[in-house]
Amino acid sequence: MGTTSEDDRRGAHWDAAYRGRGHHQLSWYQTEATRSLELIRGLGTAPASAVVDIGGGASGLAGSLVDRGFTDVTVLDVSAVALAAARARLADGPPVTWVHGDVLTWQPARPYGLWHDRAVFHFLTAAADRGRYLRTLAAALEPGAGVVLGTFAEDGPEYCSGLPVSRYSPDGLVDVLGPGVEPVATGRELHTTPSGSVQPFTWLAAHWRG
């Protein structure tokens, strides 16, 4: 199967998820990206830094960053439906760059000072896909940039949205990302879904060595 058809298949899966339930009812929905914002602040990321939110889709993080003075925010998502919902919500606010694409094949045109990913990386259960993700990350970041990554914890769900996931301890997440990252902080979050279930997450904040 070619790369384009793989992108289309992933996009169709997530478009169906957003159409079927609406972003407010999906398990990863949160009213405020509290942990993400805390870790971004802890890294000392300046508001002038270029930020890319991987799989940000209908998340409110982009708007929260803009509210805090960030002026260069890009959201990448494989779901056109998710991006349309986000655009509509922030239509009257400061500009955000919306990119419809798959992180596994995206070719960043410029360097970024912060990479944020909440709940994309854990869907990459194949080593080859994790390798493609990390190559994109390396191509996107300037030396010293921040990395904030959230995945399901070791005791988190084994499946999400009908797909298997990989689960990580803090040390396991550091190991799989490799020597390019210098950990600054790790942590655990208990995320309560809109249906009331609890999903344990592992978080990592790091600097990119380049």
N, C-alpha and C. Protein backbone atom coordinates (compact mmCIF):
# COMPACT_ATOMS: atom_id res chain seq x y z
N MET A 1 0.85 -1.19 0.00
CA MET A 1 0.00 0.00 0.00
C MET A 1 0.89 1.23 0.00
N GLY A 2 0.62 2.18 -0.86
CA GLY A 2 1.45 3.37 -0.97
C GLY A 2 1.22 4.33 0.17
N THR A 3 2.14 5.29 0.31
CA THR A 3 2.07 6.25 1.41
C THR A 3 0.80 7.08 1.34
N THR A 4 0.43 7.54 0.14
CA THR A 4 -0.75 8.39 0.03
C THR A 4 -2.00 7.66 0.49
N SER A 5 -2.17 6.41 0.11
CA SER A 5 -3.35 5.66 0.53
C SER A 5 -3.33 5.40 2.04
N GLU A 6 -2.16 5.25 2.63
CA GLU A 6 -2.07 5.11 4.08
C GLU A 6 -2.52 6.39 4.76
N ASP A 7 -2.07 7.54 4.25
CA ASP A 7 -2.51 8.82 4.79
C ASP A 7 -4.03 8.95 4.68
N ASP A 8 -4.57 8.58 3.52
CA ASP A 8 -6.01 8.69 3.31
C ASP A 8 -6.78 7.79 4.28
N ARG A 9 -6.25 6.59 4.50
CA ARG A 9 -6.92 5.65 5.41
C ARG A 9 -6.94 6.20 6.84
N ARG A 10 -5.80 6.73 7.28
CA ARG A 10 -5.76 7.31 8.63
C ARG A 10 -6.68 8.52 8.74
N GLY A 11 -6.66 9.35 7.70
CA GLY A 11 -7.53 10.52 7.72
C GLY A 11 -8.99 10.14 7.77
N ALA A 12 -9.37 9.13 6.99
CA ALA A 12 -10.77 8.69 6.96
C ALA A 12 -11.20 8.14 8.32
N HIS A 13 -10.30 7.42 8.98
CA HIS A 13 -10.63 6.87 10.30
C HIS A 13 -10.96 7.98 11.29
N TRP A 14 -10.11 9.01 11.33
CA TRP A 14 -10.31 10.07 12.31
C TRP A 14 -11.42 11.02 11.90
N ASP A 15 -11.62 11.24 10.61
CA ASP A 15 -12.78 12.01 10.17
C ASP A 15 -14.07 11.35 10.65
N ALA A 16 -14.14 10.02 10.52
CA ALA A 16 -15.34 9.29 10.95
C ALA A 16 -15.54 9.41 12.45
N ALA A 17 -14.45 9.38 13.21
CA ALA A 17 -14.56 9.51 14.67
C ALA A 17 -15.14 10.87 15.06
N TYR A 18 -14.65 11.93 14.42
CA TYR A 18 -15.15 13.27 14.75
C TYR A 18 -16.58 13.47 14.27
N ARG A 19 -16.90 12.96 13.10
CA ARG A 19 -18.27 13.10 12.60
C ARG A 19 -19.26 12.30 13.45
N GLY A 20 -18.82 11.12 13.89
CA GLY A 20 -19.72 10.22 14.58
C GLY A 20 -20.15 10.70 15.94
N ARG A 21 -19.25 11.38 16.66
CA ARG A 21 -19.58 11.73 18.03
C ARG A 21 -19.42 13.21 18.34
N GLY A 22 -18.69 13.93 17.51
CA GLY A 22 -18.42 15.33 17.84
C GLY A 22 -17.26 15.42 18.81
N HIS A 23 -16.44 16.45 18.67
CA HIS A 23 -15.19 16.47 19.44
C HIS A 23 -15.42 16.56 20.94
N HIS A 24 -16.55 17.10 21.38
CA HIS A 24 -16.79 17.21 22.82
C HIS A 24 -17.06 15.86 23.48
N GLN A 25 -17.39 14.84 22.70
CA GLN A 25 -17.71 13.53 23.26
C GLN A 25 -16.59 12.50 23.08
N LEU A 26 -15.53 12.86 22.39
CA LEU A 26 -14.43 11.92 22.18
C LEU A 26 -13.61 11.77 23.45
N SER A 27 -13.02 10.60 23.63
CA SER A 27 -12.41 10.26 24.92
C SER A 27 -11.28 11.20 25.32
N TRP A 28 -10.58 11.75 24.36
CA TRP A 28 -9.43 12.60 24.69
C TRP A 28 -9.80 14.07 24.91
N TYR A 29 -11.09 14.40 24.77
CA TYR A 29 -11.51 15.80 24.92
C TYR A 29 -11.23 16.31 26.34
N GLN A 30 -10.74 17.54 26.41
CA GLN A 30 -10.56 18.21 27.69
C GLN A 30 -10.93 19.68 27.52
N THR A 31 -11.52 20.27 28.54
CA THR A 31 -11.94 21.66 28.43
C THR A 31 -10.76 22.60 28.43
N GLU A 32 -9.69 22.22 29.09
CA GLU A 32 -8.47 23.04 29.14
C GLU A 32 -7.25 22.12 29.12
N ALA A 33 -6.28 22.46 28.31
CA ALA A 33 -5.06 21.65 28.19
C ALA A 33 -4.10 21.98 29.33
N THR A 34 -4.54 21.74 30.55
CA THR A 34 -3.82 22.20 31.74
C THR A 34 -2.41 21.64 31.82
N ARG A 35 -2.27 20.32 31.70
CA ARG A 35 -0.94 19.72 31.85
C ARG A 35 -0.01 20.18 30.73
N SER A 36 -0.51 20.26 29.53
CA SER A 36 0.31 20.73 28.41
C SER A 36 0.83 22.13 28.68
N LEU A 37 -0.05 23.01 29.13
CA LEU A 37 0.36 24.39 29.38
C LEU A 37 1.37 24.48 30.51
N GLU A 38 1.20 23.66 31.54
CA GLU A 38 2.16 23.64 32.65
C GLU A 38 3.55 23.23 32.17
N LEU A 39 3.60 22.19 31.34
CA LEU A 39 4.90 21.69 30.88
C LEU A 39 5.55 22.66 29.90
N ILE A 40 4.76 23.28 29.06
CA ILE A 40 5.30 24.28 28.14
C ILE A 40 5.89 25.45 28.93
N ARG A 41 5.18 25.88 29.95
CA ARG A 41 5.69 26.95 30.80
C ARG A 41 6.96 26.52 31.52
N GLY A 42 6.99 25.26 32.00
CA GLY A 42 8.17 24.75 32.70
C GLY A 42 9.40 24.67 31.83
N LEU A 43 9.22 24.50 30.53
CA LEU A 43 10.36 24.48 29.61
C LEU A 43 10.90 25.87 29.33
N GLY A 44 10.15 26.88 29.74
CA GLY A 44 10.58 28.25 29.49
C GLY A 44 10.39 28.68 28.04
N THR A 45 9.42 28.08 27.36
CA THR A 45 9.18 28.40 25.96
C THR A 45 8.68 29.83 25.82
N ALA A 46 9.38 30.63 25.05
CA ALA A 46 9.01 32.04 24.88
C ALA A 46 7.81 32.17 23.96
N PRO A 47 6.94 33.14 24.21
CA PRO A 47 5.76 33.33 23.36
C PRO A 47 6.11 33.60 21.89
N ALA A 48 7.32 34.07 21.62
CA ALA A 48 7.72 34.31 20.23
C ALA A 48 8.15 33.03 19.52
N SER A 49 8.27 31.93 20.25
CA SER A 49 8.71 30.67 19.66
C SER A 49 7.66 30.14 18.69
N ALA A 50 8.13 29.51 17.62
CA ALA A 50 7.22 28.83 16.69
C ALA A 50 6.83 27.49 17.31
N VAL A 51 5.53 27.26 17.43
CA VAL A 51 5.00 26.06 18.08
C VAL A 51 4.25 25.22 17.05
N VAL A 52 4.46 23.91 17.07
CA VAL A 52 3.64 23.01 16.26
C VAL A 52 2.97 22.01 17.18
N ASP A 53 1.65 21.91 17.04
CA ASP A 53 0.84 20.99 17.84
C ASP A 53 0.45 19.82 16.95
N ILE A 54 1.03 18.66 17.22
CA ILE A 54 0.84 17.47 16.40
C ILE A 54 -0.47 16.79 16.78
N GLY A 55 -1.35 16.61 15.79
CA GLY A 55 -2.65 16.01 16.09
C GLY A 55 -3.52 16.93 16.91
N GLY A 56 -3.27 18.24 16.83
CA GLY A 56 -3.99 19.20 17.65
C GLY A 56 -5.46 19.31 17.31
N GLY A 57 -5.79 19.08 16.04
CA GLY A 57 -7.18 19.04 15.60
C GLY A 57 -8.09 19.99 16.33
N ALA A 58 -9.10 19.44 16.96
CA ALA A 58 -10.10 20.26 17.65
C ALA A 58 -9.71 20.61 19.08
N SER A 59 -8.47 20.34 19.48
CA SER A 59 -8.01 20.70 20.81
C SER A 59 -8.04 22.21 21.00
N GLY A 60 -8.23 22.62 22.24
CA GLY A 60 -8.22 24.05 22.55
C GLY A 60 -6.84 24.61 22.84
N LEU A 61 -5.77 23.80 22.71
CA LEU A 61 -4.44 24.26 23.07
C LEU A 61 -4.02 25.47 22.25
N ALA A 62 -4.26 25.45 20.94
CA ALA A 62 -3.83 26.57 20.10
C ALA A 62 -4.43 27.88 20.59
N GLY A 63 -5.72 27.87 20.88
CA GLY A 63 -6.35 29.08 21.38
C GLY A 63 -5.81 29.51 22.72
N SER A 64 -5.51 28.55 23.59
CA SER A 64 -4.95 28.88 24.90
C SER A 64 -3.56 29.50 24.78
N LEU A 65 -2.76 28.99 23.84
CA LEU A 65 -1.44 29.57 23.62
C LEU A 65 -1.55 30.99 23.08
N VAL A 66 -2.46 31.20 22.15
CA VAL A 66 -2.66 32.55 21.61
C VAL A 66 -3.10 33.49 22.72
N ASP A 67 -3.98 33.03 23.60
CA ASP A 67 -4.43 33.85 24.73
C ASP A 67 -3.27 34.23 25.64
N ARG A 68 -2.23 33.41 25.65
CA ARG A 68 -1.06 33.67 26.50
C ARG A 68 0.05 34.41 25.76
N GLY A 69 -0.25 34.91 24.60
CA GLY A 69 0.69 35.76 23.89
C GLY A 69 1.52 35.10 22.82
N PHE A 70 1.29 33.80 22.57
CA PHE A 70 2.04 33.12 21.51
C PHE A 70 1.53 33.62 20.15
N THR A 71 2.47 33.88 19.26
CA THR A 71 2.12 34.52 17.99
C THR A 71 2.40 33.66 16.76
N ASP A 72 2.98 32.48 16.95
CA ASP A 72 3.34 31.63 15.81
C ASP A 72 2.98 30.19 16.15
N VAL A 73 1.71 29.84 15.96
CA VAL A 73 1.19 28.53 16.34
C VAL A 73 0.69 27.80 15.09
N THR A 74 1.18 26.58 14.90
CA THR A 74 0.76 25.72 13.80
C THR A 74 0.10 24.47 14.37
N VAL A 75 -1.01 24.06 13.79
CA VAL A 75 -1.69 22.83 14.18
C VAL A 75 -1.67 21.89 12.99
N LEU A 76 -1.12 20.69 13.20
CA LEU A 76 -1.09 19.65 12.17
C LEU A 76 -2.04 18.53 12.57
N ASP A 77 -2.91 18.13 11.65
CA ASP A 77 -3.81 17.02 11.96
C ASP A 77 -4.17 16.29 10.67
N VAL A 78 -4.31 14.97 10.78
CA VAL A 78 -4.68 14.15 9.63
C VAL A 78 -6.17 14.22 9.34
N SER A 79 -6.96 14.76 10.27
CA SER A 79 -8.41 14.85 10.11
C SER A 79 -8.83 16.25 9.66
N ALA A 80 -9.37 16.34 8.45
CA ALA A 80 -9.89 17.61 7.97
C ALA A 80 -11.10 18.05 8.78
N VAL A 81 -11.87 17.10 9.28
CA VAL A 81 -13.06 17.43 10.09
C VAL A 81 -12.65 18.10 11.39
N ALA A 82 -11.62 17.58 12.04
CA ALA A 82 -11.14 18.17 13.29
C ALA A 82 -10.61 19.57 13.06
N LEU A 83 -9.86 19.75 11.99
CA LEU A 83 -9.31 21.07 11.70
C LEU A 83 -10.41 22.08 11.39
N ALA A 84 -11.44 21.66 10.68
CA ALA A 84 -12.55 22.56 10.37
C ALA A 84 -13.25 23.03 11.65
N ALA A 85 -13.41 22.12 12.61
CA ALA A 85 -14.04 22.49 13.88
C ALA A 85 -13.19 23.50 14.63
N ALA A 86 -11.89 23.31 14.62
CA ALA A 86 -11.00 24.23 15.31
C ALA A 86 -10.98 25.59 14.63
N ARG A 87 -10.93 25.60 13.32
CA ARG A 87 -10.94 26.86 12.57
C ARG A 87 -12.20 27.66 12.89
N ALA A 88 -13.32 26.98 12.93
CA ALA A 88 -14.58 27.66 13.20
C ALA A 88 -14.58 28.29 14.59
N ARG A 89 -14.01 27.60 15.55
CA ARG A 89 -14.00 28.11 16.91
C ARG A 89 -13.08 29.32 17.07
N LEU A 90 -11.99 29.37 16.32
CA LEU A 90 -11.01 30.45 16.44
C LEU A 90 -11.07 31.43 15.29
N ALA A 91 -12.17 31.41 14.54
CA ALA A 91 -12.26 32.21 13.32
C ALA A 91 -12.05 33.70 13.57
N ASP A 92 -12.49 34.20 14.72
CA ASP A 92 -12.40 35.63 14.99
C ASP A 92 -11.16 36.00 15.80
N GLY A 93 -10.31 35.01 16.09
CA GLY A 93 -9.13 35.28 16.89
C GLY A 93 -7.90 35.50 16.05
N PRO A 94 -6.73 35.65 16.69
CA PRO A 94 -5.48 35.80 15.96
C PRO A 94 -5.21 34.59 15.08
N PRO A 95 -4.42 34.78 14.04
CA PRO A 95 -4.23 33.68 13.09
C PRO A 95 -3.46 32.50 13.66
N VAL A 96 -3.91 31.32 13.30
CA VAL A 96 -3.22 30.06 13.57
C VAL A 96 -3.04 29.38 12.22
N THR A 97 -1.89 28.76 12.01
CA THR A 97 -1.65 28.05 10.76
C THR A 97 -2.19 26.63 10.88
N TRP A 98 -3.10 26.26 10.00
CA TRP A 98 -3.73 24.94 10.03
C TRP A 98 -3.15 24.11 8.90
N VAL A 99 -2.63 22.94 9.22
CA VAL A 99 -2.01 22.06 8.23
C VAL A 99 -2.71 20.72 8.24
N HIS A 100 -3.32 20.36 7.11
CA HIS A 100 -3.96 19.05 6.98
C HIS A 100 -2.91 18.08 6.46
N GLY A 101 -2.44 17.20 7.32
CA GLY A 101 -1.40 16.27 6.92
C GLY A 101 -1.15 15.23 7.98
N ASP A 102 -0.38 14.24 7.63
CA ASP A 102 -0.03 13.12 8.50
C ASP A 102 1.39 13.32 9.00
N VAL A 103 1.59 13.26 10.29
CA VAL A 103 2.92 13.48 10.86
C VAL A 103 3.94 12.50 10.29
N LEU A 104 3.51 11.34 9.84
CA LEU A 104 4.45 10.35 9.32
C LEU A 104 5.00 10.71 7.94
N THR A 105 4.32 11.60 7.24
CA THR A 105 4.77 11.99 5.91
C THR A 105 4.96 13.49 5.75
N TRP A 106 4.62 14.24 6.76
CA TRP A 106 4.74 15.71 6.71
C TRP A 106 6.20 16.11 6.55
N GLN A 107 6.44 17.11 5.73
CA GLN A 107 7.78 17.65 5.53
C GLN A 107 7.78 19.11 5.96
N PRO A 108 8.20 19.40 7.19
CA PRO A 108 8.17 20.78 7.69
C PRO A 108 9.04 21.69 6.84
N ALA A 109 8.52 22.87 6.55
CA ALA A 109 9.23 23.82 5.69
C ALA A 109 10.15 24.75 6.48
N ARG A 110 10.06 24.70 7.80
CA ARG A 110 10.87 25.59 8.63
C ARG A 110 11.02 24.97 10.01
N PRO A 111 11.97 25.46 10.79
CA PRO A 111 12.17 24.90 12.13
C PRO A 111 11.19 25.48 13.15
N TYR A 112 10.93 24.68 14.18
CA TYR A 112 10.04 25.09 15.26
C TYR A 112 10.79 25.07 16.59
N GLY A 113 10.29 25.88 17.52
CA GLY A 113 10.90 25.95 18.84
C GLY A 113 10.20 25.09 19.87
N LEU A 114 9.05 24.52 19.51
CA LEU A 114 8.33 23.63 20.43
C LEU A 114 7.50 22.64 19.63
N TRP A 115 7.61 21.38 20.02
CA TRP A 115 6.80 20.29 19.45
C TRP A 115 5.89 19.78 20.55
N HIS A 116 4.59 19.80 20.33
CA HIS A 116 3.63 19.30 21.32
C HIS A 116 2.81 18.18 20.69
N ASP A 117 2.65 17.10 21.44
CA ASP A 117 1.85 15.96 20.98
C ASP A 117 1.17 15.33 22.18
N ARG A 118 -0.13 15.46 22.24
CA ARG A 118 -0.91 14.76 23.25
C ARG A 118 -1.76 13.71 22.54
N ALA A 119 -1.37 12.45 22.72
CA ALA A 119 -2.18 11.30 22.29
C ALA A 119 -2.13 10.99 20.80
N VAL A 120 -1.00 11.30 20.14
CA VAL A 120 -0.76 10.79 18.78
C VAL A 120 0.27 9.66 18.81
N PHE A 121 1.38 9.89 19.49
CA PHE A 121 2.50 8.95 19.45
C PHE A 121 2.09 7.56 19.90
N HIS A 122 1.18 7.46 20.87
CA HIS A 122 0.85 6.12 21.38
C HIS A 122 0.06 5.27 20.37
N PHE A 123 -0.43 5.88 19.29
CA PHE A 123 -1.09 5.09 18.24
C PHE A 123 -0.09 4.43 17.30
N LEU A 124 1.17 4.76 17.43
CA LEU A 124 2.20 4.21 16.54
C LEU A 124 2.75 2.93 17.16
N THR A 125 2.12 1.82 16.85
CA THR A 125 2.49 0.55 17.47
C THR A 125 3.59 -0.18 16.69
N ALA A 126 3.87 0.23 15.49
CA ALA A 126 4.92 -0.39 14.68
C ALA A 126 6.21 0.40 14.79
N ALA A 127 7.32 -0.29 14.94
CA ALA A 127 8.61 0.38 15.06
C ALA A 127 8.90 1.27 13.86
N ALA A 128 8.51 0.82 12.67
CA ALA A 128 8.76 1.61 11.47
C ALA A 128 8.03 2.95 11.52
N ASP A 129 6.80 2.94 12.03
CA ASP A 129 6.04 4.20 12.13
C ASP A 129 6.63 5.11 13.20
N ARG A 130 7.09 4.53 14.30
CA ARG A 130 7.75 5.37 15.31
C ARG A 130 9.01 6.00 14.72
N GLY A 131 9.73 5.25 13.91
CA GLY A 131 10.92 5.80 13.28
C GLY A 131 10.59 6.95 12.34
N ARG A 132 9.52 6.82 11.59
CA ARG A 132 9.10 7.90 10.68
C ARG A 132 8.69 9.14 11.48
N TYR A 133 8.00 8.93 12.58
CA TYR A 133 7.60 10.04 13.45
C TYR A 133 8.84 10.78 13.96
N LEU A 134 9.80 10.04 14.44
CA LEU A 134 11.00 10.66 15.01
C LEU A 134 11.83 11.37 13.95
N ARG A 135 11.81 10.88 12.73
CA ARG A 135 12.51 11.59 11.65
C ARG A 135 11.82 12.92 11.35
N THR A 136 10.50 12.93 11.39
CA THR A 136 9.77 14.19 11.20
C THR A 136 10.08 15.16 12.33
N LEU A 137 10.06 14.65 13.56
CA LEU A 137 10.38 15.49 14.71
C LEU A 137 11.76 16.12 14.56
N ALA A 138 12.74 15.32 14.19
CA ALA A 138 14.11 15.82 14.04
C ALA A 138 14.20 16.88 12.95
N ALA A 139 13.43 16.68 11.87
CA ALA A 139 13.46 17.64 10.77
C ALA A 139 12.76 18.95 11.14
N ALA A 140 11.85 18.88 12.12
CA ALA A 140 11.03 20.06 12.44
C ALA A 140 11.64 20.95 13.51
N LEU A 141 12.58 20.44 14.30
CA LEU A 141 13.02 21.17 15.49
C LEU A 141 14.40 21.79 15.33
N GLU A 142 14.51 22.99 15.88
CA GLU A 142 15.81 23.64 15.98
C GLU A 142 16.50 23.15 17.25
N PRO A 143 17.84 23.15 17.29
CA PRO A 143 18.53 22.70 18.51
C PRO A 143 18.08 23.51 19.73
N GLY A 144 17.83 22.82 20.84
CA GLY A 144 17.38 23.47 22.05
C GLY A 144 15.88 23.65 22.14
N ALA A 145 15.16 23.23 21.12
CA ALA A 145 13.70 23.36 21.12
C ALA A 145 13.08 22.49 22.21
N GLY A 146 11.84 22.80 22.56
CA GLY A 146 11.13 22.01 23.55
C GLY A 146 10.31 20.91 22.91
N VAL A 147 10.15 19.83 23.66
CA VAL A 147 9.29 18.71 23.25
C VAL A 147 8.37 18.40 24.42
N VAL A 148 7.07 18.40 24.19
CA VAL A 148 6.09 18.01 25.20
C VAL A 148 5.26 16.88 24.60
N LEU A 149 5.27 15.74 25.27
CA LEU A 149 4.65 14.54 24.72
C LEU A 149 3.82 13.85 25.79
N GLY A 150 2.57 13.53 25.44
CA GLY A 150 1.70 12.80 26.35
C GLY A 150 1.18 11.53 25.69
N THR A 151 1.33 10.40 26.38
CA THR A 151 0.88 9.10 25.87
C THR A 151 0.12 8.37 26.98
N PHE A 152 -0.57 7.29 26.61
CA PHE A 152 -1.15 6.44 27.63
C PHE A 152 -0.05 5.83 28.49
N ALA A 153 -0.31 5.76 29.79
CA ALA A 153 0.62 5.15 30.74
C ALA A 153 0.54 3.63 30.64
N GLU A 154 1.44 2.97 31.34
CA GLU A 154 1.50 1.50 31.30
C GLU A 154 0.19 0.85 31.73
N ASP A 155 -0.56 1.51 32.61
CA ASP A 155 -1.84 0.98 33.06
C ASP A 155 -3.01 1.66 32.37
N GLY A 156 -2.73 2.32 31.24
CA GLY A 156 -3.77 2.97 30.47
C GLY A 156 -4.49 1.99 29.56
N PRO A 157 -5.42 2.49 28.75
CA PRO A 157 -6.17 1.62 27.84
C PRO A 157 -5.26 0.92 26.84
N GLU A 158 -5.68 -0.26 26.43
CA GLU A 158 -4.95 -0.99 25.40
C GLU A 158 -5.44 -0.63 24.00
N TYR A 159 -6.64 -0.07 23.92
CA TYR A 159 -7.23 0.35 22.66
C TYR A 159 -7.86 1.72 22.84
N CYS A 160 -7.91 2.48 21.75
CA CYS A 160 -8.59 3.77 21.76
C CYS A 160 -9.16 4.00 20.37
N SER A 161 -10.42 4.40 20.31
CA SER A 161 -11.09 4.65 19.02
C SER A 161 -10.96 3.47 18.06
N GLY A 162 -11.00 2.26 18.62
CA GLY A 162 -10.94 1.06 17.81
C GLY A 162 -9.56 0.65 17.35
N LEU A 163 -8.54 1.32 17.82
CA LEU A 163 -7.17 1.03 17.40
C LEU A 163 -6.32 0.61 18.59
N PRO A 164 -5.36 -0.30 18.39
CA PRO A 164 -4.44 -0.64 19.47
C PRO A 164 -3.47 0.50 19.72
N VAL A 165 -2.97 0.58 20.94
CA VAL A 165 -2.03 1.64 21.29
C VAL A 165 -0.82 1.02 22.00
N SER A 166 0.26 1.80 22.04
CA SER A 166 1.41 1.46 22.86
C SER A 166 1.34 2.28 24.14
N ARG A 167 1.72 1.67 25.26
CA ARG A 167 1.64 2.34 26.56
C ARG A 167 3.05 2.49 27.12
N TYR A 168 3.29 3.60 27.82
CA TYR A 168 4.66 3.93 28.22
C TYR A 168 4.76 4.35 29.68
N SER A 169 5.83 3.92 30.31
CA SER A 169 6.27 4.51 31.56
C SER A 169 7.10 5.74 31.20
N PRO A 170 7.41 6.62 32.16
CA PRO A 170 8.28 7.75 31.85
C PRO A 170 9.63 7.32 31.28
N ASP A 171 10.27 6.33 31.90
CA ASP A 171 11.57 5.87 31.39
C ASP A 171 11.42 5.23 30.01
N GLY A 172 10.34 4.50 29.80
CA GLY A 172 10.12 3.87 28.51
C GLY A 172 9.93 4.90 27.40
N LEU A 173 9.24 5.99 27.72
CA LEU A 173 9.03 7.04 26.73
C LEU A 173 10.34 7.73 26.39
N VAL A 174 11.15 8.00 27.41
CA VAL A 174 12.47 8.59 27.16
C VAL A 174 13.31 7.67 26.28
N ASP A 175 13.29 6.39 26.59
CA ASP A 175 14.10 5.43 25.83
C ASP A 175 13.69 5.36 24.37
N VAL A 176 12.38 5.33 24.10
CA VAL A 176 11.93 5.16 22.73
C VAL A 176 12.19 6.41 21.90
N LEU A 177 12.24 7.57 22.54
CA LEU A 177 12.54 8.80 21.81
C LEU A 177 14.02 8.91 21.48
N GLY A 178 14.86 8.25 22.25
CA GLY A 178 16.27 8.18 21.89
C GLY A 178 17.11 9.32 22.45
N PRO A 179 18.39 9.35 22.08
CA PRO A 179 19.34 10.30 22.66
C PRO A 179 19.15 11.74 22.22
N GLY A 180 18.24 11.98 21.27
CA GLY A 180 18.03 13.35 20.81
C GLY A 180 17.31 14.21 21.81
N VAL A 181 16.66 13.60 22.82
CA VAL A 181 15.93 14.39 23.80
C VAL A 181 16.65 14.38 25.15
N GLU A 182 16.63 15.52 25.79
CA GLU A 182 17.18 15.68 27.15
C GLU A 182 16.00 15.94 28.09
N PRO A 183 15.61 14.94 28.88
CA PRO A 183 14.42 15.09 29.72
C PRO A 183 14.56 16.23 30.73
N VAL A 184 13.49 16.97 30.90
CA VAL A 184 13.43 18.04 31.90
C VAL A 184 12.44 17.64 33.00
N ALA A 185 11.32 17.05 32.61
CA ALA A 185 10.32 16.65 33.59
C ALA A 185 9.48 15.51 33.02
N THR A 186 9.07 14.61 33.90
CA THR A 186 8.11 13.57 33.54
C THR A 186 6.99 13.60 34.56
N GLY A 187 5.86 13.03 34.22
CA GLY A 187 4.76 13.05 35.16
C GLY A 187 3.64 12.12 34.74
N ARG A 188 2.64 12.08 35.57
CA ARG A 188 1.48 11.21 35.37
C ARG A 188 0.22 12.06 35.50
N GLU A 189 -0.75 11.78 34.66
CA GLU A 189 -2.03 12.48 34.71
C GLU A 189 -3.15 11.47 34.62
N LEU A 190 -4.19 11.67 35.41
CA LEU A 190 -5.40 10.86 35.32
C LEU A 190 -6.45 11.70 34.61
N HIS A 191 -6.65 11.39 33.34
CA HIS A 191 -7.59 12.14 32.51
C HIS A 191 -8.97 11.51 32.60
N THR A 192 -9.96 12.32 32.95
CA THR A 192 -11.34 11.85 33.00
C THR A 192 -12.01 12.16 31.68
N THR A 193 -12.51 11.14 31.01
CA THR A 193 -13.12 11.30 29.70
C THR A 193 -14.53 11.88 29.84
N PRO A 194 -15.12 12.36 28.74
CA PRO A 194 -16.50 12.87 28.81
C PRO A 194 -17.50 11.83 29.33
N SER A 195 -17.21 10.53 29.14
CA SER A 195 -18.12 9.49 29.63
C SER A 195 -17.87 9.13 31.09
N GLY A 196 -16.82 9.72 31.68
CA GLY A 196 -16.56 9.50 33.10
C GLY A 196 -15.51 8.46 33.42
N SER A 197 -14.95 7.78 32.43
CA SER A 197 -13.88 6.83 32.71
C SER A 197 -12.55 7.58 32.90
N VAL A 198 -11.61 6.90 33.51
CA VAL A 198 -10.32 7.51 33.82
C VAL A 198 -9.22 6.86 33.00
N GLN A 199 -8.41 7.67 32.35
CA GLN A 199 -7.31 7.18 31.51
C GLN A 199 -5.99 7.73 32.06
N PRO A 200 -5.09 6.86 32.53
CA PRO A 200 -3.78 7.32 32.99
C PRO A 200 -2.87 7.68 31.81
N PHE A 201 -2.25 8.84 31.91
CA PHE A 201 -1.32 9.32 30.90
C PHE A 201 0.08 9.47 31.49
N THR A 202 1.08 9.26 30.66
CA THR A 202 2.48 9.59 30.98
C THR A 202 2.85 10.83 30.18
N TRP A 203 3.54 11.76 30.85
CA TRP A 203 3.96 13.00 30.20
C TRP A 203 5.47 13.15 30.26
N LEU A 204 6.01 13.76 29.21
CA LEU A 204 7.43 14.08 29.15
C LEU A 204 7.60 15.47 28.61
N ALA A 205 8.43 16.25 29.29
CA ALA A 205 8.89 17.54 28.76
C ALA A 205 10.40 17.44 28.62
N ALA A 206 10.91 17.86 27.48
CA ALA A 206 12.34 17.67 27.20
C ALA A 206 12.84 18.78 26.29
N HIS A 207 14.17 18.87 26.21
CA HIS A 207 14.80 19.74 25.21
C HIS A 207 15.38 18.87 24.11
N TRP A 208 15.32 19.38 22.91
CA TRP A 208 15.85 18.68 21.75
C TRP A 208 17.32 19.02 21.57
N ARG A 209 18.17 18.00 21.62
CA ARG A 209 19.60 18.24 21.50
C ARG A 209 20.04 18.56 20.08
N GLY A 210 19.26 18.05 19.11
CA GLY A 210 19.61 18.31 17.72
C GLY A 210 20.74 17.43 17.21
